N, C-alpha and C. Protein backbone atom coordinates (compact mmCIF):
# COMPACT_ATOMS: atom_id res chain seq x y z
N MET A 1 0.84 -1.19 0.00
CA MET A 1 0.00 0.00 0.00
C MET A 1 0.88 1.24 0.00
N ASP A 2 0.47 2.23 -0.80
CA ASP A 2 1.19 3.48 -0.91
C ASP A 2 1.03 4.31 0.37
N HIS A 3 2.11 4.95 0.81
CA HIS A 3 2.04 5.86 1.96
C HIS A 3 1.17 7.05 1.58
N THR A 4 0.33 7.50 2.49
CA THR A 4 -0.49 8.67 2.20
C THR A 4 0.03 9.88 2.96
N PHE A 5 -0.23 11.04 2.40
CA PHE A 5 0.18 12.30 2.99
C PHE A 5 -1.06 13.11 3.35
N LEU A 6 -0.89 14.07 4.24
CA LEU A 6 -1.92 15.05 4.51
C LEU A 6 -1.67 16.19 3.53
N VAL A 7 -2.66 16.50 2.70
CA VAL A 7 -2.51 17.49 1.65
C VAL A 7 -3.46 18.65 1.94
N PRO A 8 -2.94 19.87 2.08
CA PRO A 8 -3.81 21.01 2.38
C PRO A 8 -4.74 21.32 1.21
N VAL A 9 -5.99 21.63 1.55
CA VAL A 9 -7.01 21.97 0.56
C VAL A 9 -7.78 23.19 1.06
N ARG A 10 -8.52 23.79 0.17
CA ARG A 10 -9.45 24.86 0.53
C ARG A 10 -10.77 24.54 -0.16
N THR A 11 -11.85 25.06 0.37
CA THR A 11 -13.15 24.84 -0.22
C THR A 11 -13.49 26.01 -1.13
N CYS A 12 -13.78 25.72 -2.39
CA CYS A 12 -14.18 26.74 -3.35
C CYS A 12 -15.63 27.14 -3.09
N ALA A 13 -16.06 28.20 -3.75
CA ALA A 13 -17.41 28.74 -3.57
C ALA A 13 -18.50 27.70 -3.80
N VAL A 14 -18.30 26.78 -4.71
CA VAL A 14 -19.32 25.77 -5.01
C VAL A 14 -19.18 24.53 -4.13
N GLY A 15 -18.30 24.56 -3.14
CA GLY A 15 -18.14 23.46 -2.21
C GLY A 15 -17.15 22.38 -2.65
N VAL A 16 -16.42 22.64 -3.72
CA VAL A 16 -15.44 21.68 -4.22
C VAL A 16 -14.10 21.94 -3.52
N LEU A 17 -13.39 20.87 -3.15
CA LEU A 17 -12.07 21.02 -2.54
C LEU A 17 -11.03 21.29 -3.62
N ALA A 18 -10.15 22.25 -3.37
CA ALA A 18 -9.06 22.58 -4.29
C ALA A 18 -7.74 22.42 -3.54
N LEU A 19 -6.75 21.85 -4.22
CA LEU A 19 -5.43 21.69 -3.61
C LEU A 19 -4.78 23.04 -3.38
N ARG A 20 -4.13 23.19 -2.23
CA ARG A 20 -3.31 24.38 -1.98
C ARG A 20 -1.90 24.06 -2.45
N THR A 21 -1.23 25.03 -3.01
CA THR A 21 0.13 24.84 -3.49
C THR A 21 1.05 25.86 -2.84
N GLY A 22 2.35 25.66 -3.02
CA GLY A 22 3.35 26.57 -2.49
C GLY A 22 4.28 27.01 -3.61
N ARG A 23 5.30 27.77 -3.23
CA ARG A 23 6.31 28.23 -4.19
C ARG A 23 7.70 28.03 -3.62
N LEU A 24 8.62 27.67 -4.50
CA LEU A 24 10.03 27.61 -4.12
C LEU A 24 10.56 29.04 -4.08
N VAL A 25 11.75 29.20 -3.55
CA VAL A 25 12.40 30.52 -3.52
C VAL A 25 12.50 31.07 -4.93
N SER A 26 12.67 30.20 -5.91
CA SER A 26 12.77 30.62 -7.31
C SER A 26 11.45 31.11 -7.89
N GLY A 27 10.34 30.87 -7.17
CA GLY A 27 9.02 31.26 -7.66
C GLY A 27 8.25 30.12 -8.29
N GLU A 28 8.91 29.00 -8.54
CA GLU A 28 8.25 27.84 -9.13
C GLU A 28 7.19 27.27 -8.17
N ARG A 29 6.01 26.95 -8.71
CA ARG A 29 4.94 26.36 -7.89
C ARG A 29 5.24 24.90 -7.61
N VAL A 30 4.90 24.45 -6.40
CA VAL A 30 5.08 23.06 -5.99
C VAL A 30 3.85 22.59 -5.24
N GLY A 31 3.64 21.27 -5.26
CA GLY A 31 2.60 20.68 -4.45
C GLY A 31 3.07 20.60 -3.01
N LEU A 32 2.13 20.60 -2.07
CA LEU A 32 2.46 20.51 -0.65
C LEU A 32 1.93 19.21 -0.08
N ALA A 33 2.74 18.53 0.72
CA ALA A 33 2.32 17.30 1.38
C ALA A 33 2.98 17.25 2.75
N PHE A 34 2.27 16.69 3.71
CA PHE A 34 2.77 16.63 5.08
C PHE A 34 2.62 15.21 5.63
N THR A 35 3.55 14.83 6.51
CA THR A 35 3.53 13.50 7.09
C THR A 35 2.77 13.45 8.41
N SER A 36 2.42 14.62 8.96
CA SER A 36 1.68 14.65 10.22
C SER A 36 0.87 15.94 10.32
N GLU A 37 -0.17 15.90 11.15
CA GLU A 37 -0.96 17.11 11.40
C GLU A 37 -0.09 18.19 12.05
N ALA A 38 0.81 17.77 12.94
CA ALA A 38 1.68 18.74 13.62
C ALA A 38 2.54 19.50 12.61
N SER A 39 3.09 18.81 11.64
CA SER A 39 3.92 19.46 10.62
C SER A 39 3.08 20.41 9.77
N LEU A 40 1.89 19.99 9.40
CA LEU A 40 0.99 20.82 8.60
C LEU A 40 0.64 22.10 9.36
N ARG A 41 0.27 21.95 10.62
CA ARG A 41 -0.11 23.11 11.44
C ARG A 41 1.07 24.05 11.69
N ARG A 42 2.26 23.49 11.90
CA ARG A 42 3.46 24.30 12.15
C ARG A 42 3.76 25.18 10.94
N THR A 43 3.53 24.64 9.75
CA THR A 43 3.84 25.37 8.53
C THR A 43 2.72 26.31 8.09
N LEU A 44 1.47 25.84 8.17
CA LEU A 44 0.37 26.61 7.60
C LEU A 44 -0.57 27.24 8.63
N GLY A 45 -0.39 26.93 9.90
CA GLY A 45 -1.26 27.50 10.92
C GLY A 45 -2.26 26.48 11.45
N PRO A 46 -2.96 26.85 12.52
CA PRO A 46 -3.79 25.89 13.25
C PRO A 46 -5.10 25.49 12.59
N SER A 47 -5.69 26.31 11.77
CA SER A 47 -7.01 25.97 11.23
C SER A 47 -6.94 25.68 9.74
N GLN A 48 -6.42 24.52 9.41
CA GLN A 48 -6.25 24.14 8.01
C GLN A 48 -7.13 22.95 7.66
N GLN A 49 -7.70 22.98 6.47
CA GLN A 49 -8.40 21.82 5.94
C GLN A 49 -7.37 20.96 5.23
N TRP A 50 -7.56 19.65 5.28
CA TRP A 50 -6.66 18.75 4.57
C TRP A 50 -7.40 17.48 4.21
N THR A 51 -6.80 16.75 3.29
CA THR A 51 -7.30 15.44 2.90
C THR A 51 -6.10 14.51 2.77
N ARG A 52 -6.35 13.21 2.79
CA ARG A 52 -5.26 12.23 2.62
C ARG A 52 -5.16 11.82 1.16
N LEU A 53 -3.93 11.85 0.64
CA LEU A 53 -3.66 11.41 -0.73
C LEU A 53 -2.31 10.71 -0.77
N ALA A 54 -2.20 9.71 -1.62
CA ALA A 54 -0.91 9.08 -1.90
C ALA A 54 -0.17 9.97 -2.90
N ARG A 55 1.13 9.78 -3.02
CA ARG A 55 1.97 10.62 -3.88
C ARG A 55 1.51 10.58 -5.35
N GLU A 56 1.21 9.42 -5.87
CA GLU A 56 0.86 9.31 -7.29
C GLU A 56 -0.43 10.06 -7.64
N PRO A 57 -1.53 9.86 -6.89
CA PRO A 57 -2.73 10.66 -7.20
C PRO A 57 -2.51 12.16 -7.03
N LEU A 58 -1.72 12.56 -6.04
CA LEU A 58 -1.42 13.97 -5.85
C LEU A 58 -0.67 14.51 -7.07
N ALA A 59 0.35 13.79 -7.51
CA ALA A 59 1.12 14.21 -8.69
C ALA A 59 0.22 14.30 -9.92
N GLU A 60 -0.71 13.35 -10.07
CA GLU A 60 -1.62 13.37 -11.22
C GLU A 60 -2.56 14.58 -11.17
N MET A 61 -2.96 14.99 -9.97
CA MET A 61 -3.84 16.16 -9.84
C MET A 61 -3.08 17.46 -10.09
N LEU A 62 -1.79 17.48 -9.79
CA LEU A 62 -0.98 18.68 -9.98
C LEU A 62 -0.50 18.85 -11.42
N GLU A 63 -0.38 17.76 -12.14
CA GLU A 63 0.16 17.79 -13.50
C GLU A 63 -0.59 18.75 -14.43
N PRO A 64 -1.93 18.75 -14.48
CA PRO A 64 -2.61 19.70 -15.37
C PRO A 64 -2.35 21.16 -15.01
N LEU A 65 -1.92 21.41 -13.77
CA LEU A 65 -1.60 22.77 -13.34
C LEU A 65 -0.17 23.16 -13.71
N GLY A 66 0.57 22.23 -14.31
CA GLY A 66 1.95 22.48 -14.68
C GLY A 66 2.91 22.36 -13.51
N ILE A 67 2.46 21.70 -12.43
CA ILE A 67 3.29 21.54 -11.23
C ILE A 67 3.95 20.16 -11.27
N GLU A 68 5.29 20.15 -11.29
CA GLU A 68 6.04 18.91 -11.44
C GLU A 68 6.58 18.35 -10.13
N TYR A 69 6.71 19.18 -9.10
CA TYR A 69 7.38 18.75 -7.87
C TYR A 69 6.47 18.88 -6.66
N ILE A 70 6.72 18.01 -5.69
CA ILE A 70 5.98 17.99 -4.44
C ILE A 70 6.95 18.24 -3.30
N THR A 71 6.61 19.15 -2.41
CA THR A 71 7.42 19.42 -1.24
C THR A 71 6.78 18.71 -0.06
N VAL A 72 7.55 17.87 0.62
CA VAL A 72 7.06 17.12 1.78
C VAL A 72 7.59 17.78 3.05
N ASP A 73 6.67 18.08 3.98
CA ASP A 73 7.01 18.72 5.25
C ASP A 73 7.89 19.95 5.06
N PRO A 74 7.41 20.93 4.26
CA PRO A 74 8.22 22.14 4.07
C PRO A 74 8.35 22.93 5.36
N ASP A 75 9.44 23.68 5.45
CA ASP A 75 9.65 24.58 6.59
C ASP A 75 8.76 25.79 6.41
N PRO A 76 8.27 26.36 7.51
CA PRO A 76 7.52 27.62 7.41
C PRO A 76 8.40 28.70 6.79
N VAL A 77 7.79 29.66 6.14
CA VAL A 77 8.53 30.77 5.53
C VAL A 77 9.37 31.44 6.61
N GLY A 78 10.64 31.70 6.28
CA GLY A 78 11.52 32.38 7.22
C GLY A 78 12.28 31.45 8.14
N GLU A 79 11.96 30.15 8.13
CA GLU A 79 12.70 29.19 8.96
C GLU A 79 13.59 28.36 8.08
N SER A 80 14.67 27.88 8.65
CA SER A 80 15.55 26.98 7.91
C SER A 80 15.69 25.68 8.68
N ARG A 81 16.09 24.66 7.96
CA ARG A 81 16.26 23.34 8.58
C ARG A 81 17.43 23.38 9.55
N THR A 82 17.26 22.71 10.69
CA THR A 82 18.33 22.67 11.68
C THR A 82 18.91 21.28 11.84
N ASP A 83 18.35 20.30 11.12
CA ASP A 83 18.82 18.92 11.28
C ASP A 83 19.95 18.58 10.31
N GLY A 84 20.38 19.56 9.51
CA GLY A 84 21.48 19.33 8.58
C GLY A 84 21.04 18.65 7.29
N ALA A 85 19.80 18.21 7.22
CA ALA A 85 19.32 17.53 6.01
C ALA A 85 19.11 18.55 4.91
N GLN A 86 19.44 18.17 3.70
CA GLN A 86 19.21 19.05 2.56
C GLN A 86 18.11 18.44 1.72
N GLN A 87 17.22 19.30 1.26
CA GLN A 87 16.18 18.85 0.35
C GLN A 87 16.68 19.12 -1.05
N GLN A 88 16.48 18.17 -1.96
CA GLN A 88 17.00 18.31 -3.30
C GLN A 88 15.89 18.24 -4.33
N ARG A 89 16.08 18.96 -5.40
CA ARG A 89 15.15 18.93 -6.53
C ARG A 89 15.52 17.73 -7.39
N PRO A 90 14.54 16.92 -7.79
CA PRO A 90 14.84 15.76 -8.61
C PRO A 90 15.17 16.16 -10.05
N SER A 91 15.82 15.25 -10.73
CA SER A 91 16.11 15.47 -12.15
C SER A 91 14.83 15.36 -12.95
N PRO A 92 14.72 16.07 -14.08
CA PRO A 92 13.54 15.94 -14.92
C PRO A 92 13.32 14.49 -15.31
N GLY A 93 12.07 14.08 -15.38
CA GLY A 93 11.73 12.71 -15.75
C GLY A 93 11.60 11.77 -14.56
N GLN A 94 12.10 12.17 -13.40
CA GLN A 94 11.96 11.35 -12.20
C GLN A 94 10.63 11.66 -11.54
N PRO A 95 10.10 10.72 -10.75
CA PRO A 95 8.85 11.02 -10.04
C PRO A 95 9.06 12.19 -9.09
N PRO A 96 7.98 12.93 -8.78
CA PRO A 96 8.12 14.06 -7.84
C PRO A 96 8.70 13.60 -6.53
N GLU A 97 9.61 14.37 -5.99
CA GLU A 97 10.24 14.08 -4.70
C GLU A 97 10.28 15.36 -3.89
N VAL A 98 10.96 15.30 -2.78
CA VAL A 98 11.08 16.45 -1.90
C VAL A 98 11.85 17.57 -2.61
N ALA A 99 11.34 18.77 -2.48
CA ALA A 99 12.02 19.94 -3.04
C ALA A 99 12.06 21.00 -1.94
N ALA A 100 13.02 21.90 -1.98
CA ALA A 100 13.14 22.94 -0.96
C ALA A 100 11.92 23.84 -1.00
N ALA A 101 11.45 24.22 0.16
CA ALA A 101 10.23 25.04 0.25
C ALA A 101 10.54 26.51 0.46
N ALA A 102 9.62 27.33 0.04
CA ALA A 102 9.73 28.76 0.29
C ALA A 102 8.98 29.08 1.55
């Protein structure tokens, strides 16, 4: 079974859920995915709507929007990683992976 992520969404005027996206420092749009509610709330704030999605369906939903990369557990704006881990952008043609967040 595929691992699922918590994916932030918002409700449109007609009641349809829409994926929320983010941007890299470069301005490129990316999909957002979180491994826990705590990580989602730390980054986006306490009152967020979300749904569970596996990586492949999320990537398929982002593709028509021209979004190629998914950021997993991004740091809040203005914070940097303290664990020494570096997030890397995948090479073109590879499945979406972790990318640095804005």
